[in-house]
C-alpha atoms as a PDB file:
ATOM      1  CA  UNK A   1       0.000   0.000   0.000  1.00  0.00           C
ATOM      2  CA  UNK A   2       1.152   3.494  -0.843  1.00  0.00           C
ATOM      3  CA  UNK A   3       0.613   6.401   1.548  1.00  0.00           C
ATOM      4  CA  UNK A   4      -0.579   9.401  -0.431  1.00  0.00           C
ATOM      5  CA  UNK A   5      -1.656  11.751   2.353  1.00  0.00           C
ATOM      6  CA  UNK A   6      -0.850  12.224   5.998  1.00  0.00           C
ATOM      7  CA  UNK A   7      -3.112  14.715   7.753  1.00  0.00           C
ATOM      8  CA  UNK A   8      -2.857  16.294  11.185  1.00  0.00           C
ATOM      9  CA  UNK A   9      -5.885  16.662  13.471  1.00  0.00           C
ATOM     10  CA  UNK A  10      -8.131  19.520  12.375  1.00  0.00           C
ATOM     11  CA  UNK A  11      -7.241  19.403   8.681  1.00  0.00           C
ATOM     12  CA  UNK A  12      -9.891  18.619   6.087  1.00  0.00           C
ATOM     13  CA  UNK A  13     -10.439  14.881   6.064  1.00  0.00           C
ATOM     14  CA  UNK A  14      -9.876  14.427   9.808  1.00  0.00           C
ATOM     15  CA  UNK A  15     -12.908  16.128  11.370  1.00  0.00           C
ATOM     16  CA  UNK A  16     -15.033  12.988  11.842  1.00  0.00           C
ATOM     17  CA  UNK A  17     -12.107  11.037  13.270  1.00  0.00           C
ATOM     18  CA  UNK A  18     -11.149  13.960  15.506  1.00  0.00           C
ATOM     19  CA  UNK A  19     -14.667  13.930  16.988  1.00  0.00           C
ATOM     20  CA  UNK A  20     -14.383  10.177  17.559  1.00  0.00           C
ATOM     21  CA  UNK A  21     -10.850  10.008  19.026  1.00  0.00           C
ATOM     22  CA  UNK A  22     -10.358  13.531  20.419  1.00  0.00           C
ATOM     23  CA  UNK A  23      -6.932  14.509  21.703  1.00  0.00           C
ATOM     24  CA  UNK A  24      -5.662  10.942  21.316  1.00  0.00           C
ATOM     25  CA  UNK A  25      -5.553  11.415  17.519  1.00  0.00           C
ATOM     26  CA  UNK A  26      -2.011  11.996  16.211  1.00  0.00           C
ATOM     27  CA  UNK A  27      -2.604  11.778  12.454  1.00  0.00           C
ATOM     28  CA  UNK A  28      -4.748  10.260   9.705  1.00  0.00           C
ATOM     29  CA  UNK A  29      -3.216   8.481   6.716  1.00  0.00           C
ATOM     30  CA  UNK A  30      -4.818   7.600   3.431  1.00  0.00           C
ATOM     31  CA  UNK A  31      -3.254   4.480   1.949  1.00  0.00           C
ATOM     32  CA  UNK A  32      -4.004   3.141  -1.500  1.00  0.00           C
ATOM     33  CA  UNK A  33      -3.913  -0.570  -2.288  1.00  0.00           C
ATOM     34  CA  UNK A  34      -3.468  -0.756  -6.042  1.00  0.00           C
ATOM     35  CA  UNK A  35      -3.784  -4.550  -6.119  1.00  0.00           C
ATOM     36  CA  UNK A  36      -7.332  -4.411  -4.720  1.00  0.00           C
ATOM     37  CA  UNK A  37      -8.240  -0.891  -5.924  1.00  0.00           C
ATOM     38  CA  UNK A  38      -9.192   0.329  -2.440  1.00  0.00           C
ATOM     39  CA  UNK A  39      -8.358   3.304  -0.264  1.00  0.00           C
ATOM     40  CA  UNK A  40      -7.648   2.503   3.372  1.00  0.00           C
ATOM     41  CA  UNK A  41      -7.904   5.164   6.075  1.00  0.00           C
ATOM     42  CA  UNK A  42      -5.618   4.582   9.056  1.00  0.00           C
ATOM     43  CA  UNK A  43      -5.200   6.558  12.266  1.00  0.00           C
ATOM     44  CA  UNK A  44      -2.324   6.952  14.683  1.00  0.00           C
ATOM     45  CA  UNK A  45      -3.510   7.189  18.296  1.00  0.00           C
ATOM     46  CA  UNK A  46      -2.007   7.817  21.717  1.00  0.00           C
ATOM     47  CA  UNK A  47      -2.800   4.732  23.789  1.00  0.00           C
ATOM     48  CA  UNK A  48      -0.689   5.403  26.888  1.00  0.00           C
ATOM     49  CA  UNK A  49       1.165   8.263  28.509  1.00  0.00           C
ATOM     50  CA  UNK A  50       3.580   7.568  31.347  1.00  0.00           C
ATOM     51  CA  UNK A  51       6.170   9.825  32.999  1.00  0.00           C
ATOM     52  CA  UNK A  52       9.655   9.534  31.554  1.00  0.00           C
ATOM     53  CA  UNK A  53      12.957  10.979  32.680  1.00  0.00           C
ATOM     54  CA  UNK A  54      15.741  11.528  30.228  1.00  0.00           C
ATOM     55  CA  UNK A  55      18.763   9.395  31.003  1.00  0.00           C
ATOM     56  CA  UNK A  56      22.015  11.314  31.257  1.00  0.00           C
ATOM     57  CA  UNK A  57      24.347  10.933  28.303  1.00  0.00           C
ATOM     58  CA  UNK A  58      27.064   8.383  28.863  1.00  0.00           C
ATOM     59  CA  UNK A  59      30.102  10.234  27.589  1.00  0.00           C
ATOM     60  CA  UNK A  60      33.398   8.359  27.923  1.00  0.00           C
ATOM     61  CA  UNK A  61      35.767  10.042  30.390  1.00  0.00           C
ATOM     62  CA  UNK A  62      38.551  10.175  27.790  1.00  0.00           C
ATOM     63  CA  UNK A  63      36.443  11.864  25.064  1.00  0.00           C
ATOM     64  CA  UNK A  64      37.772  15.307  24.197  1.00  0.00           C
ATOM     65  CA  UNK A  65      35.298  18.164  24.657  1.00  0.00           C
ATOM     66  CA  UNK A  66      35.623  21.863  23.846  1.00  0.00           C
ATOM     67  CA  UNK A  67      35.418  24.209  26.825  1.00  0.00           C
ATOM     68  CA  UNK A  68      34.934  27.993  26.641  1.00  0.00           C
ATOM     69  CA  UNK A  69      37.002  30.012  29.089  1.00  0.00           C
ATOM     70  CA  UNK A  70      36.908  33.807  28.860  1.00  0.00           C
ATOM     71  CA  UNK A  71      40.202  35.679  28.478  1.00  0.00           C
ATOM     72  CA  UNK A  72      39.884  37.411  31.861  1.00  0.00           C
ATOM     73  CA  UNK A  73      39.335  34.094  33.746  1.00  0.00           C
ATOM     74  CA  UNK A  74      43.035  33.575  34.381  1.00  0.00           C
ATOM     75  CA  UNK A  75      42.670  31.300  37.412  1.00  0.00           C
ATOM     76  CA  UNK A  76      40.281  28.958  35.596  1.00  0.00           C
ATOM     77  CA  UNK A  77      42.528  28.974  32.542  1.00  0.00           C
ATOM     78  CA  UNK A  78      45.472  27.862  34.704  1.00  0.00           C
ATOM     79  CA  UNK A  79      43.396  25.073  36.289  1.00  0.00           C
ATOM     80  CA  UNK A  80      42.328  23.855  32.836  1.00  0.00           C
ATOM     81  CA  UNK A  81      45.902  23.938  31.559  1.00  0.00           C
ATOM     82  CA  UNK A  82      47.078  22.060  34.668  1.00  0.00           C
ATOM     83  CA  UNK A  83      44.933  19.033  33.764  1.00  0.00           C
ATOM     84  CA  UNK A  84      46.454  18.873  30.280  1.00  0.00           C
ATOM     85  CA  UNK A  85      44.021  20.883  28.180  1.00  0.00           C
ATOM     86  CA  UNK A  86      45.214  22.093  24.775  1.00  0.00           C
ATOM     87  CA  UNK A  87      44.210  25.393  23.174  1.00  0.00           C
ATOM     88  CA  UNK A  88      42.154  24.992  20.006  1.00  0.00           C
ATOM     89  CA  UNK A  89      42.975  28.104  18.013  1.00  0.00           C
ATOM     90  CA  UNK A  90      40.285  27.515  15.358  1.00  0.00           C
ATOM     91  CA  UNK A  91      37.415  27.128  17.828  1.00  0.00           C
ATOM     92  CA  UNK A  92      38.887  29.445  20.489  1.00  0.00           C
ATOM     93  CA  UNK A  93      38.245  26.772  23.135  1.00  0.00           C
ATOM     94  CA  UNK A  94      40.259  24.525  25.390  1.00  0.00           C
ATOM     95  CA  UNK A  95      40.241  20.833  24.405  1.00  0.00           C
ATOM     96  CA  UNK A  96      40.079  18.718  27.536  1.00  0.00           C
ATOM     97  CA  UNK A  97      38.998  15.172  28.437  1.00  0.00           C
ATOM     98  CA  UNK A  98      35.359  14.964  29.534  1.00  0.00           C
ATOM     99  CA  UNK A  99      36.369  13.388  32.850  1.00  0.00           C
ATOM    100  CA  UNK A 100      38.702  16.296  33.597  1.00  0.00           C
ATOM    101  CA  UNK A 101      36.024  18.855  32.708  1.00  0.00           C
ATOM    102  CA  UNK A 102      33.622  17.032  35.009  1.00  0.00           C
ATOM    103  CA  UNK A 103      36.178  17.000  37.842  1.00  0.00           C
ATOM    104  CA  UNK A 104      36.756  20.747  37.411  1.00  0.00           C
ATOM    105  CA  UNK A 105      32.994  21.376  37.477  1.00  0.00           C
ATOM    106  CA  UNK A 106      32.967  23.139  34.110  1.00  0.00           C
ATOM    107  CA  UNK A 107      30.586  20.928  32.126  1.00  0.00           C
ATOM    108  CA  UNK A 108      28.271  23.929  31.732  1.00  0.00           C
ATOM    109  CA  UNK A 109      31.006  25.550  29.606  1.00  0.00           C
ATOM    110  CA  UNK A 110      31.235  22.665  27.112  1.00  0.00           C
ATOM    111  CA  UNK A 111      30.303  23.749  23.577  1.00  0.00           C
ATOM    112  CA  UNK A 112      29.427  21.675  20.511  1.00  0.00           C
END
């Protein structure tokens, strides 16, 4: 079957289904079965909602991350250099192992 249209709730072609399923309706799809010459209407519904907490990223301690340190933060710059960070001239950041950045408490300064 080929999907020709996917409609969001409230668009033309979804009103009747929106009345039937309410806020549980995610989308309506019109599929065409060329072998049988029929159009099939399908719906995507929410069937369960449960609380979910995002798991923290598992970044290896040895992975190099880029850390921003302002020019006037001389003390922090010295601490970063002391753990073996290297200056990245192109990005204007310090390249340091994730584990070291975590130990220094500067993960909030990590940039992409």
